[in-house]
Amino acid sequence: MFEIRLICDSADTEQIVNALPAAFDIRTLRQKPAADPARTRVYLTADHQPGSADMAEPWAHIRAVKAWLDDCNGRGPEETALRLLKVTEEAGEAAQAYIGVCGQNPRKGTSHSTGDVAAELCDVILSAMVALHDFSDHPARLLADTAAHRHQRLTALTTAASARA
């Protein structure tokens, strides 16, 4: 459960309040005038709607997939290798979709959309997240730490390049 405070134009308050239940399971909702008479303060106590997307949800899904795979296929070196190969398979499907966007195959012509490529890239990411569980006890933290480290390196590179220019 969490609390949110919004300050919005009074003319928009009704539309905003009516939209909130789509994103949140609202427990309490209060409206009060803001210091600026043209604005309204809206306070709500809520939970996420079941099925709403946030940053933690993909990891919850991946934990469920991993548990299901472990239960069905067991764990071991062969299963770990197959989960790594699944990442490669999905990357191949992303490449195939991109070839379809470009119309590279004369027999098929333009057979895919950029949306197809995007969906296949999501499959690559999700498959890699599953495989990462076999190499880290804290895969979400490892990914966040790795991204932060890469960001520091990028910042250093771009700062150095700006200084040279």
Protein backbone atom coordinates (compact mmCIF):
# COMPACT_ATOMS: atom_id res chain seq x y z
CA MET A 1 0.00 0.00 0.00
CA PHE A 2 1.21 3.52 -0.71
CA GLU A 3 0.01 7.11 -0.61
CA ILE A 4 0.01 9.57 -3.49
CA ARG A 5 -0.54 13.33 -3.46
CA LEU A 6 -1.47 15.02 -6.72
CA ILE A 7 -1.84 18.72 -7.37
CA CYS A 8 -3.74 19.40 -10.57
CA ASP A 9 -5.69 22.12 -12.31
CA SER A 10 -9.19 22.15 -10.82
CA ALA A 11 -10.64 21.83 -14.32
CA ASP A 12 -8.79 18.49 -14.74
CA THR A 13 -9.57 17.03 -11.30
CA GLU A 14 -12.65 15.03 -12.27
CA GLN A 15 -10.94 13.46 -15.30
CA ILE A 16 -7.86 12.56 -13.24
CA VAL A 17 -9.89 11.12 -10.35
CA ASN A 18 -11.94 9.05 -12.80
CA ALA A 19 -8.76 7.66 -14.42
CA LEU A 20 -7.06 6.60 -11.17
CA PRO A 21 -9.02 3.35 -10.60
CA ALA A 22 -7.63 1.94 -13.87
CA ALA A 23 -4.11 2.10 -12.46
CA PHE A 24 -4.65 1.67 -8.72
CA ASP A 25 -6.79 -0.28 -6.27
CA ILE A 26 -7.89 2.81 -4.31
CA ARG A 27 -8.52 2.49 -0.55
CA THR A 28 -9.17 6.16 0.25
CA LEU A 29 -9.47 9.29 -1.89
CA ARG A 30 -9.66 12.86 -0.62
CA GLN A 31 -9.79 16.19 -2.44
CA LYS A 32 -8.85 19.53 -0.91
CA PRO A 33 -8.27 23.01 -2.31
CA ALA A 34 -4.65 23.86 -3.04
CA ALA A 35 -2.95 27.13 -2.08
CA ASP A 36 -3.56 28.26 -5.65
CA PRO A 37 -7.38 28.51 -5.99
CA ALA A 38 -7.17 27.25 -9.59
CA ARG A 39 -5.69 23.96 -8.40
CA THR A 40 -6.88 20.97 -6.35
CA ARG A 41 -4.96 18.58 -4.10
CA VAL A 42 -5.91 14.92 -4.44
CA TYR A 43 -4.73 12.38 -1.84
CA LEU A 44 -5.15 8.67 -2.26
CA THR A 45 -4.11 5.53 -0.44
CA ALA A 46 -3.88 2.62 -2.84
CA ASP A 47 -2.33 -0.62 -3.99
CA HIS A 48 -1.29 -1.52 -7.53
CA GLN A 49 -4.06 -3.01 -9.60
CA PRO A 50 -3.55 -6.74 -10.09
CA GLY A 51 -1.80 -7.13 -13.42
CA SER A 52 -0.59 -3.53 -13.59
CA ALA A 53 2.86 -3.22 -15.06
CA ASP A 54 5.68 -1.85 -12.98
CA MET A 55 9.41 -2.48 -12.84
CA ALA A 56 9.16 -5.35 -10.34
CA GLU A 57 6.49 -7.26 -12.24
CA PRO A 58 8.78 -8.73 -14.94
CA TRP A 59 11.02 -10.19 -12.22
CA ALA A 60 8.00 -11.70 -10.44
CA HIS A 61 6.95 -13.30 -13.73
CA ILE A 62 10.49 -14.58 -14.34
CA ARG A 63 10.65 -16.13 -10.86
CA ALA A 64 7.39 -17.95 -11.63
CA VAL A 65 8.72 -19.14 -15.01
CA LYS A 66 11.96 -20.34 -13.42
CA ALA A 67 10.08 -22.22 -10.69
CA TRP A 68 7.85 -23.83 -13.32
CA LEU A 69 10.84 -24.82 -15.49
CA ASP A 70 12.72 -26.18 -12.46
CA ASP A 71 9.66 -28.23 -11.52
CA CYS A 72 9.11 -29.57 -15.05
CA ASN A 73 12.71 -29.97 -16.25
CA GLY A 74 14.76 -30.14 -13.08
CA ARG A 75 18.03 -28.34 -12.57
CA GLY A 76 21.48 -29.19 -13.74
CA PRO A 77 24.15 -28.40 -16.31
CA GLU A 78 22.06 -29.56 -19.26
CA GLU A 79 19.05 -27.46 -18.24
CA THR A 80 21.33 -24.44 -17.69
CA ALA A 81 22.79 -24.92 -21.19
CA LEU A 82 19.32 -25.20 -22.72
CA ARG A 83 18.22 -21.98 -21.02
CA LEU A 84 21.26 -20.21 -22.47
CA LEU A 85 20.48 -21.67 -25.91
CA LYS A 86 16.91 -20.34 -25.56
CA VAL A 87 18.36 -16.80 -25.45
CA THR A 88 20.14 -17.51 -28.76
CA GLU A 89 16.98 -18.98 -30.27
CA GLU A 90 15.00 -15.87 -29.34
CA ALA A 91 17.76 -13.62 -30.73
CA GLY A 92 17.49 -15.53 -34.00
CA GLU A 93 13.75 -14.92 -34.07
CA ALA A 94 14.37 -11.19 -33.53
CA ALA A 95 16.82 -11.22 -36.44
CA GLN A 96 14.33 -13.12 -38.59
CA ALA A 97 11.65 -10.54 -37.80
CA TYR A 98 14.00 -7.71 -38.75
CA ILE A 99 14.81 -9.43 -42.04
CA GLY A 100 11.04 -9.56 -42.56
CA VAL A 101 10.77 -5.82 -41.86
CA CYS A 102 13.46 -5.11 -44.46
CA GLY A 103 11.84 -7.43 -47.01
CA GLN A 104 15.21 -9.09 -47.56
CA ASN A 105 13.71 -12.43 -48.57
CA PRO A 106 12.27 -11.94 -52.10
CA ARG A 107 10.00 -14.95 -51.69
CA LYS A 108 8.36 -13.54 -48.54
CA GLY A 109 8.68 -9.80 -49.12
CA THR A 110 7.90 -7.57 -46.15
CA SER A 111 6.59 -10.18 -43.74
CA HIS A 112 7.04 -8.55 -40.32
CA SER A 113 6.47 -5.24 -38.61
CA THR A 114 8.70 -3.28 -36.25
CA GLY A 115 6.23 -4.35 -33.56
CA ASP A 116 7.15 -7.96 -34.32
CA VAL A 117 10.82 -7.11 -33.88
CA ALA A 118 10.08 -5.36 -30.58
CA ALA A 119 8.10 -8.36 -29.30
CA GLU A 120 10.92 -10.73 -30.25
CA LEU A 121 13.46 -8.50 -28.50
CA CYS A 122 11.29 -8.65 -25.37
CA ASP A 123 11.43 -12.46 -25.65
CA VAL A 124 15.24 -12.23 -25.82
CA ILE A 125 15.29 -10.11 -22.67
CA LEU A 126 12.88 -12.36 -20.78
CA SER A 127 14.78 -15.50 -21.79
CA ALA A 128 18.03 -13.91 -20.62
CA MET A 129 16.39 -13.00 -17.31
CA VAL A 130 15.39 -16.64 -16.82
CA ALA A 131 18.92 -17.84 -17.67
CA LEU A 132 20.47 -15.25 -15.34
CA HIS A 133 18.80 -16.96 -12.38
CA ASP A 134 21.12 -19.93 -12.89
CA PHE A 135 24.18 -17.72 -12.45
CA SER A 136 23.15 -15.31 -9.70
CA ASP A 137 21.26 -15.60 -6.42
CA HIS A 138 20.09 -12.00 -6.88
CA PRO A 139 19.59 -11.51 -10.64
CA ALA A 140 17.51 -8.32 -10.38
CA ARG A 141 20.14 -6.66 -8.20
CA LEU A 142 22.94 -7.90 -10.47
CA LEU A 143 21.22 -6.46 -13.53
CA ALA A 144 20.62 -3.12 -11.79
CA ASP A 145 24.23 -2.99 -10.54
CA THR A 146 25.58 -3.91 -13.99
CA ALA A 147 23.46 -1.23 -15.65
CA ALA A 148 24.65 1.34 -13.09
CA HIS A 149 28.28 0.36 -13.75
CA ARG A 150 27.79 0.61 -17.51
CA HIS A 151 26.17 4.01 -17.03
CA GLN A 152 29.20 5.22 -15.05
CA ARG A 153 31.48 4.04 -17.87
CA LEU A 154 29.33 5.76 -20.48
CA THR A 155 29.29 8.98 -18.47
CA ALA A 156 33.08 8.89 -18.18
CA LEU A 157 33.44 8.29 -21.93
CA THR A 158 31.01 11.01 -22.95
CA THR A 159 32.51 13.47 -20.47
CA ALA A 160 36.01 12.76 -21.82
CA ALA A 161 34.79 13.15 -25.40
CA SER A 162 33.13 16.48 -24.56
CA ALA A 163 36.33 17.73 -22.92
CA ARG A 164 38.33 16.90 -26.09
CA ALA A 165 35.87 18.67 -28.38
